[in-house]
Amino acid sequence: MLSGKLQTELNKQMNNEFFAEYEYLSMAAYFHAMNLDGIANYFHVQAQEEHFHAMKIFHFVLDKGGKVELQQIAKPDVTFKSPIEVFEKALGHEKKVTKSINDLMDDAIKENDHAVNSFLKWYVDEQVEEEALASKALGKMELIGGKGEGLLILDQEYASRSFTPPVA
């Protein structure tokens, strides 16, 4: 069984992951409106990953005999000043998620809950990858100044990106 605190915190993290899905869909919509469907695809894939992350928590809470408590999902930003700002916000969001996962891991360690600790290790490792990906994408966007032919090349690069759920 999950402690009340860990159950609450896991439900909050699940909500954070669902919010991230919405946030990335909003970013995808921004690029679709610019006819940059490849870059939009980058954010669609990010949204799919966040949905997967949320559902992984959903099933873990149930498997541990806990109660899933779905919460209201906040409205994401829907207006952006530039393509660079979108990627800056994406990296900032990933850093917030990393902090949230680390805080949750700290709680699991304090409560000596080995199952939650083991479960969260996957998220800790995943966040290293997510931050690196977002940082690299931002770096590319900054390199091209968020415009011109470079933007079209980046659009082509991200068009082929896809999501394959990891085997658990």
C-alpha atoms as a PDB file:
ATOM      1  CA  MET A   1       0.000   0.000   0.000  1.00  0.00           C
ATOM      2  CA  LEU A   2       1.013   3.552  -0.662  1.00  0.00           C
ATOM      3  CA  SER A   3       1.206   6.040   2.160  1.00  0.00           C
ATOM      4  CA  GLY A   4      -1.265   8.898   1.928  1.00  0.00           C
ATOM      5  CA  LYS A   5       1.540  11.353   1.168  1.00  0.00           C
ATOM      6  CA  LEU A   6       3.058   9.284  -1.628  1.00  0.00           C
ATOM      7  CA  GLN A   7      -0.359   8.587  -3.130  1.00  0.00           C
ATOM      8  CA  THR A   8      -1.107  12.329  -3.133  1.00  0.00           C
ATOM      9  CA  GLU A   9       2.283  13.192  -4.613  1.00  0.00           C
ATOM     10  CA  LEU A  10       2.050  10.504  -7.315  1.00  0.00           C
ATOM     11  CA  ASN A  11      -1.387  11.815  -8.278  1.00  0.00           C
ATOM     12  CA  LYS A  12       0.047  15.345  -8.482  1.00  0.00           C
ATOM     13  CA  GLN A  13       2.874  14.091 -10.684  1.00  0.00           C
ATOM     14  CA  MET A  14       0.380  12.294 -12.914  1.00  0.00           C
ATOM     15  CA  ASN A  15      -1.461  15.604 -13.280  1.00  0.00           C
ATOM     16  CA  ASN A  16       1.832  17.341 -14.099  1.00  0.00           C
ATOM     17  CA  GLU A  17       2.425  14.814 -16.872  1.00  0.00           C
ATOM     18  CA  PHE A  18      -1.067  15.322 -18.304  1.00  0.00           C
ATOM     19  CA  PHE A  19      -0.519  19.087 -18.187  1.00  0.00           C
ATOM     20  CA  ALA A  20       2.767  18.602 -20.036  1.00  0.00           C
ATOM     21  CA  GLU A  21       0.858  16.713 -22.728  1.00  0.00           C
ATOM     22  CA  TYR A  22      -1.483  19.710 -23.121  1.00  0.00           C
ATOM     23  CA  GLU A  23       1.422  22.126 -23.110  1.00  0.00           C
ATOM     24  CA  TYR A  24       3.204  20.247 -25.881  1.00  0.00           C
ATOM     25  CA  LEU A  25      -0.012  20.045 -27.911  1.00  0.00           C
ATOM     26  CA  SER A  26      -0.308  23.820 -27.606  1.00  0.00           C
ATOM     27  CA  MET A  27       3.234  24.159 -28.898  1.00  0.00           C
ATOM     28  CA  ALA A  28       2.444  21.785 -31.763  1.00  0.00           C
ATOM     29  CA  ALA A  29      -0.569  23.919 -32.678  1.00  0.00           C
ATOM     30  CA  TYR A  30       1.657  27.004 -32.818  1.00  0.00           C
ATOM     31  CA  PHE A  31       3.919  25.363 -35.384  1.00  0.00           C
ATOM     32  CA  HIS A  32       1.007  23.900 -37.357  1.00  0.00           C
ATOM     33  CA  ALA A  33      -0.340  27.445 -37.704  1.00  0.00           C
ATOM     34  CA  MET A  34       3.036  28.415 -39.213  1.00  0.00           C
ATOM     35  CA  ASN A  35       2.834  25.474 -41.656  1.00  0.00           C
ATOM     36  CA  LEU A  36       5.848  23.908 -39.950  1.00  0.00           C
ATOM     37  CA  ASP A  37       4.328  20.468 -39.567  1.00  0.00           C
ATOM     38  CA  GLY A  38       7.690  18.786 -38.950  1.00  0.00           C
ATOM     39  CA  ILE A  39       8.410  20.921 -35.892  1.00  0.00           C
ATOM     40  CA  ALA A  40       4.790  20.438 -34.855  1.00  0.00           C
ATOM     41  CA  ASN A  41       5.487  16.699 -35.077  1.00  0.00           C
ATOM     42  CA  TYR A  42       8.381  17.137 -32.627  1.00  0.00           C
ATOM     43  CA  PHE A  43       5.873  18.463 -30.078  1.00  0.00           C
ATOM     44  CA  HIS A  44       3.237  15.839 -30.921  1.00  0.00           C
ATOM     45  CA  VAL A  45       5.813  13.186 -30.070  1.00  0.00           C
ATOM     46  CA  GLN A  46       6.611  15.015 -26.828  1.00  0.00           C
ATOM     47  CA  ALA A  47       2.884  15.050 -26.013  1.00  0.00           C
ATOM     48  CA  GLN A  48       2.648  11.306 -26.631  1.00  0.00           C
ATOM     49  CA  GLU A  49       5.591  10.701 -24.317  1.00  0.00           C
ATOM     50  CA  GLU A  50       4.006  12.789 -21.562  1.00  0.00           C
ATOM     51  CA  HIS A  51       0.735  10.870 -21.913  1.00  0.00           C
ATOM     52  CA  PHE A  52       2.697   7.637 -21.596  1.00  0.00           C
ATOM     53  CA  HIS A  53       4.436   8.979 -18.473  1.00  0.00           C
ATOM     54  CA  ALA A  54       1.088   9.909 -16.893  1.00  0.00           C
ATOM     55  CA  MET A  55      -0.471   6.540 -17.643  1.00  0.00           C
ATOM     56  CA  LYS A  56       2.555   4.733 -16.245  1.00  0.00           C
ATOM     57  CA  ILE A  57       1.907   6.500 -12.927  1.00  0.00           C
ATOM     58  CA  PHE A  58      -1.839   5.816 -13.245  1.00  0.00           C
ATOM     59  CA  HIS A  59      -1.243   2.063 -13.455  1.00  0.00           C
ATOM     60  CA  PHE A  60       1.448   2.057 -10.771  1.00  0.00           C
ATOM     61  CA  VAL A  61      -0.853   3.741  -8.253  1.00  0.00           C
ATOM     62  CA  LEU A  62      -3.552   1.161  -8.994  1.00  0.00           C
ATOM     63  CA  ASP A  63      -1.075  -1.737  -8.847  1.00  0.00           C
ATOM     64  CA  LYS A  64       0.024  -0.542  -5.392  1.00  0.00           C
ATOM     65  CA  GLY A  65      -3.587  -0.554  -4.182  1.00  0.00           C
ATOM     66  CA  GLY A  66      -3.803   3.224  -4.243  1.00  0.00           C
ATOM     67  CA  LYS A  67      -6.517   5.500  -5.511  1.00  0.00           C
ATOM     68  CA  VAL A  68      -6.107   7.420  -8.753  1.00  0.00           C
ATOM     69  CA  GLU A  69      -7.415  10.938  -8.283  1.00  0.00           C
ATOM     70  CA  LEU A  70      -7.630  12.782 -11.574  1.00  0.00           C
ATOM     71  CA  GLN A  71      -7.404  16.519 -11.153  1.00  0.00           C
ATOM     72  CA  GLN A  72      -8.249  19.498 -13.276  1.00  0.00           C
ATOM     73  CA  ILE A  73      -5.650  20.196 -15.941  1.00  0.00           C
ATOM     74  CA  ALA A  74      -4.587  23.818 -16.186  1.00  0.00           C
ATOM     75  CA  LYS A  75      -4.784  25.644 -19.496  1.00  0.00           C
ATOM     76  CA  PRO A  76      -1.382  25.822 -21.180  1.00  0.00           C
ATOM     77  CA  ASP A  77       0.052  28.899 -22.864  1.00  0.00           C
ATOM     78  CA  VAL A  78      -1.480  29.279 -26.302  1.00  0.00           C
ATOM     79  CA  THR A  79       0.424  32.304 -27.584  1.00  0.00           C
ATOM     80  CA  PHE A  80       4.128  32.507 -28.172  1.00  0.00           C
ATOM     81  CA  LYS A  81       6.334  35.382 -29.349  1.00  0.00           C
ATOM     82  CA  SER A  82       8.687  33.271 -31.436  1.00  0.00           C
ATOM     83  CA  PRO A  83       9.820  29.752 -32.236  1.00  0.00           C
ATOM     84  CA  ILE A  84      12.773  30.267 -29.901  1.00  0.00           C
ATOM     85  CA  GLU A  85      10.445  31.142 -27.021  1.00  0.00           C
ATOM     86  CA  VAL A  86       8.554  27.883 -27.567  1.00  0.00           C
ATOM     87  CA  PHE A  87      11.733  25.851 -27.209  1.00  0.00           C
ATOM     88  CA  GLU A  88      12.838  27.922 -24.208  1.00  0.00           C
ATOM     89  CA  LYS A  89       9.523  27.153 -22.509  1.00  0.00           C
ATOM     90  CA  ALA A  90       9.854  23.467 -23.400  1.00  0.00           C
ATOM     91  CA  LEU A  91      13.274  23.286 -21.734  1.00  0.00           C
ATOM     92  CA  GLY A  92      12.000  25.249 -18.729  1.00  0.00           C
ATOM     93  CA  HIS A  93       9.102  22.841 -18.397  1.00  0.00           C
ATOM     94  CA  GLU A  94      11.403  19.816 -18.476  1.00  0.00           C
ATOM     95  CA  LYS A  95      13.505  21.356 -15.712  1.00  0.00           C
ATOM     96  CA  LYS A  96      10.355  21.799 -13.589  1.00  0.00           C
ATOM     97  CA  VAL A  97       9.413  18.166 -14.184  1.00  0.00           C
ATOM     98  CA  THR A  98      12.901  17.067 -13.149  1.00  0.00           C
ATOM     99  CA  LYS A  99      12.561  18.990  -9.879  1.00  0.00           C
ATOM    100  CA  SER A 100       9.131  17.493  -9.271  1.00  0.00           C
ATOM    101  CA  ILE A 101      10.403  13.947  -9.874  1.00  0.00           C
ATOM    102  CA  ASN A 102      13.414  14.560  -7.629  1.00  0.00           C
ATOM    103  CA  ASP A 103      11.149  15.883  -4.851  1.00  0.00           C
ATOM    104  CA  LEU A 104       8.943  12.821  -5.199  1.00  0.00           C
ATOM    105  CA  MET A 105      11.996  10.562  -5.063  1.00  0.00           C
ATOM    106  CA  ASP A 106      13.109  12.353  -1.879  1.00  0.00           C
ATOM    107  CA  ASP A 107       9.699  11.597  -0.351  1.00  0.00           C
ATOM    108  CA  ALA A 108       9.968   7.911  -1.313  1.00  0.00           C
ATOM    109  CA  ILE A 109      13.424   7.716   0.248  1.00  0.00           C
ATOM    110  CA  LYS A 110      12.240   9.442   3.447  1.00  0.00           C
ATOM    111  CA  GLU A 111       9.361   6.995   3.705  1.00  0.00           C
ATOM    112  CA  ASN A 112      11.645   4.071   2.925  1.00  0.00           C
ATOM    113  CA  ASP A 113       9.259   2.936   0.176  1.00  0.00           C
ATOM    114  CA  HIS A 114      11.475   0.765  -1.989  1.00  0.00           C
ATOM    115  CA  ALA A 115       8.799   0.070  -4.612  1.00  0.00           C
ATOM    116  CA  VAL A 116       8.115   3.762  -5.248  1.00  0.00           C
ATOM    117  CA  ASN A 117      11.843   4.465  -5.223  1.00  0.00           C
ATOM    118  CA  SER A 118      12.453   1.736  -7.804  1.00  0.00           C
ATOM    119  CA  PHE A 119       9.536   2.937  -9.942  1.00  0.00           C
ATOM    120  CA  LEU A 120      10.772   6.532  -9.912  1.00  0.00           C
ATOM    121  CA  LYS A 121      14.305   5.612 -11.003  1.00  0.00           C
ATOM    122  CA  TRP A 122      12.959   5.211 -14.542  1.00  0.00           C
ATOM    123  CA  TYR A 123      11.626   8.793 -14.401  1.00  0.00           C
ATOM    124  CA  VAL A 124      14.918  10.127 -13.041  1.00  0.00           C
ATOM    125  CA  ASP A 125      16.762   8.568 -15.991  1.00  0.00           C
ATOM    126  CA  GLU A 126      14.077   9.686 -18.438  1.00  0.00           C
ATOM    127  CA  GLN A 127      14.389  13.288 -17.295  1.00  0.00           C
ATOM    128  CA  VAL A 128      18.105  13.305 -18.050  1.00  0.00           C
ATOM    129  CA  GLU A 129      17.190  12.359 -21.632  1.00  0.00           C
ATOM    130  CA  GLU A 130      14.285  14.821 -21.803  1.00  0.00           C
ATOM    131  CA  GLU A 131      16.361  17.774 -20.629  1.00  0.00           C
ATOM    132  CA  ALA A 132      19.197  16.879 -23.002  1.00  0.00           C
ATOM    133  CA  LEU A 133      16.779  16.613 -25.941  1.00  0.00           C
ATOM    134  CA  ALA A 134      15.091  19.926 -25.115  1.00  0.00           C
ATOM    135  CA  SER A 135      18.432  21.656 -24.607  1.00  0.00           C
ATOM    136  CA  LYS A 136      19.775  20.384 -27.928  1.00  0.00           C
ATOM    137  CA  ALA A 137      16.579  21.405 -29.750  1.00  0.00           C
ATOM    138  CA  LEU A 138      16.739  24.891 -28.207  1.00  0.00           C
ATOM    139  CA  GLY A 139      20.384  25.160 -29.179  1.00  0.00           C
ATOM    140  CA  LYS A 140      19.550  24.348 -32.798  1.00  0.00           C
ATOM    141  CA  MET A 141      16.702  26.855 -32.798  1.00  0.00           C
ATOM    142  CA  GLU A 142      18.964  29.563 -31.363  1.00  0.00           C
ATOM    143  CA  LEU A 143      21.684  28.720 -33.880  1.00  0.00           C
ATOM    144  CA  ILE A 144      19.320  29.459 -36.765  1.00  0.00           C
ATOM    145  CA  GLY A 145      17.788  32.457 -35.040  1.00  0.00           C
ATOM    146  CA  GLY A 146      14.342  30.856 -35.163  1.00  0.00           C
ATOM    147  CA  LYS A 147      13.792  31.818 -38.784  1.00  0.00           C
ATOM    148  CA  GLY A 148      14.748  31.486 -42.400  1.00  0.00           C
ATOM    149  CA  GLU A 149      16.041  28.490 -44.271  1.00  0.00           C
ATOM    150  CA  GLY A 150      17.376  26.980 -41.057  1.00  0.00           C
ATOM    151  CA  LEU A 151      13.833  26.781 -39.736  1.00  0.00           C
ATOM    152  CA  LEU A 152      12.783  24.860 -42.842  1.00  0.00           C
ATOM    153  CA  ILE A 153      15.718  22.461 -42.463  1.00  0.00           C
ATOM    154  CA  LEU A 154      14.822  21.892 -38.807  1.00  0.00           C
ATOM    155  CA  ASP A 155      11.219  21.332 -39.873  1.00  0.00           C
ATOM    156  CA  GLN A 156      12.368  18.570 -42.230  1.00  0.00           C
ATOM    157  CA  GLU A 157      14.586  17.013 -39.554  1.00  0.00           C
ATOM    158  CA  TYR A 158      11.789  16.773 -36.998  1.00  0.00           C
ATOM    159  CA  ALA A 159       9.191  15.470 -39.466  1.00  0.00           C
ATOM    160  CA  SER A 160      10.451  11.905 -39.155  1.00  0.00           C
ATOM    161  CA  ARG A 161      10.516  11.786 -35.346  1.00  0.00           C
ATOM    162  CA  SER A 162       8.206   9.193 -33.814  1.00  0.00           C
ATOM    163  CA  PHE A 163       7.286   7.762 -30.436  1.00  0.00           C
ATOM    164  CA  THR A 164       7.724   4.121 -29.545  1.00  0.00           C
ATOM    165  CA  PRO A 165       6.732   3.300 -25.977  1.00  0.00           C
ATOM    166  CA  PRO A 166       9.601   1.693 -24.092  1.00  0.00           C
ATOM    167  CA  VAL A 167       9.271  -1.927 -23.150  1.00  0.00           C
ATOM    168  CA  ALA A 168       8.795  -2.120 -19.413  1.00  0.00           C
END
